[in-house]
Amino acid sequence: MSDRTRRIFLTGFSGTGKSAVAPLVAAALGWEAIDTDALVEAAAGKSVADTFRDDGEERFRELESNALTEACSRENAVIAVGGGAVMRLENGARMADGGFAVCLEAKPETILGRLQGGAGSDGLDRPLLADGDPLARICQLKAERQARYALSDWTVHTDSLAPAEVAAEVLRSYERFAGGVPEGAACFVRTASRRYPVFVRWGAIAELGQRLREVGVTRHAYVISDEAVFHHYGDEIESTLAGADIPFDPYTLPPGEASKSLETASNIYDWLVQHRAERGHAIVALGGGMVTDLAGHTAATFARGLPLVHVPTSLLAMVDASIGGKVGVNHPQAKNMIGSFYQPRLVLADPATLRTLPPRELQSGWAEVIKHAFIADSELLSFLEDNVERVLSLDPDATTEAIRRSVQIKADVVSQDEREEIGLRATLNYGHTLAHAIESATGYMRFLHGEAVAIGMTASAAMSVRMGLLPSGVAERQKRLLERYHLPTRAGGLDRVRIEAAMALDKKVEGQAIRWVLLEGVGQPVLRTDVPPDVVTAALDETLGRA
């Protein structure tokens, strides 16, 4: 992130809402909100009005310039700038060079109403309006300053907008212009290490070349894919990259979880060395969750990190594996045991690619969408219940909407807890403790990931009910929905000893206790390490059969 994208300046006439909007924008970005008027008052030891009265406007403008200089020394800040600060050329230069400037605009009548205590007033004294005709004075001052306000990077007209709506407009413009992020994204992932857009659009794969150029990935692309996926989309990838004048080389590997290994990663390293790959060249992961994880691991570790772009072609990869930066490979004894956090430059999900998936693999992916609904979004849950046939038949509108909502949930969680440090991201593992154990114990051969997750969710819901956390009706609702999407909720003939050993190795174990994600209700996940062994055993008996 460049220095210029580490600050947002809100400028404009008094009463346009700068002081009210700055904290909202800052909160959304996880930044600091700074008000130059507050800095002036701290430096002067008295209010803006008293400084004007006692020391004169020239002294105030000096203090205001000093305050802006101080604010520009801070990074990750949203700075509300006094309305007249733009009249000093050095202040305009500081804002132009130091950040992204947004002018909040309003009609003189709107401004007067706010300054007199109407809607949107911030309650501050306005010394320059203390005369017999304040409206005429506002018009005069606005006219004098308008040319300077017009130099801002963006303008938001605030007359009919609430502060939250203004903040949303500021964030939208910042993402596109200051962050270099194009319009049309379903959402943005904002983490400490990277901010990136996620696109979800039917037919979006044809836009890959354009999107790579928009995020500065233009030198060379190494497309890592499995043989089946590249057979379907290799020609389209070649066409879109050629259209953007981006050279590329493909590497294909056998489909299936068995390919996600250190041995395969080593083979890709050798191939990259042969092709003289270097920093600045990009890895494009084209495929499902296996390719996403493996290619991401390769990008994170080769040459200390290559730019990474995900083009997920399975439902599971679209709503889960491609978002959040978890990359890695499997160890023979546990899934995803070897890996890291490495965020992509962008994610481009084209739901049209789901038409080439085998029905079982497509159904498997809906487990993660249903999981997102139960841990975070009752509206998505209702949508999935009301649109089963449309979603399963890949109706473009219904499918895109379900994926878009699911992606937004994952992006929001990851943005708040990139590395599972505060516990929020761990809630995405609902159903996964048992799922990973089932996959490991069966050599990743019997169940697809989503199928294992569906069984794991059923077991976790059963534990939640037995511990008195979850009404049995919610667990039954979950079971019915999983089965309507043709997902298993039980499995027999499994080696319980191997499953329990795999759970003990799971990366979610804390100390010697397994950390289970349970439910207290729809949208109410909870982390528990105190699940009694008899509750776990009973839940496993229900879903896997008695040991």
Foldseek 3Di string as FASTA:
>chain_A
DDQALFEEEEEEAPLLQLVPQFVVLLVVQVAAEEELQVQLCVVVVHHPLVCCVPPNPVVSLVSLVVSLVVVLVDTNYYYYHYHPNLVDVVSLVSNVPRYAYEYRDEQLVLSVCQCVPHPRNPPGDDNQQPDDDSSVSSVVVCVVCVVSNVPGPYYDYPSPHDSNVVSVVSVVSSCVPVVLANPQFLDWFRAPVDIAGEHQAAPQLLCVLVRCVSLPQAEEEEEEEAPVQCVVCVVSNVVSNVVSVHHYHYDYHHDAQVCQDPVNLVVVLVVCVVVVDEASHEYEQEEALSSLQNSLQSQCPHNNHHAYEYEYLALQCLLPRLPQQWHGGQDLQFGRPGTDGDHHNYYYYHLNSNVPDDLQRNLLSVLLLLLLQQQANVVLVVLCVVCVPCCSVCVPVSVSVSSSVSNVSLSVQCSVPRPCPPVSNVLSCQQVLLLRLQCSQVVVPPDDSSLSSLLSNLLQAQLCVVVVQADVVQSVSSVVSSVSSVHANAAEDTDVVSSVVRSQVDPCDDDRFHWHWHANGRNRIDTDRPRDPVSSQVSCCVHYNHD
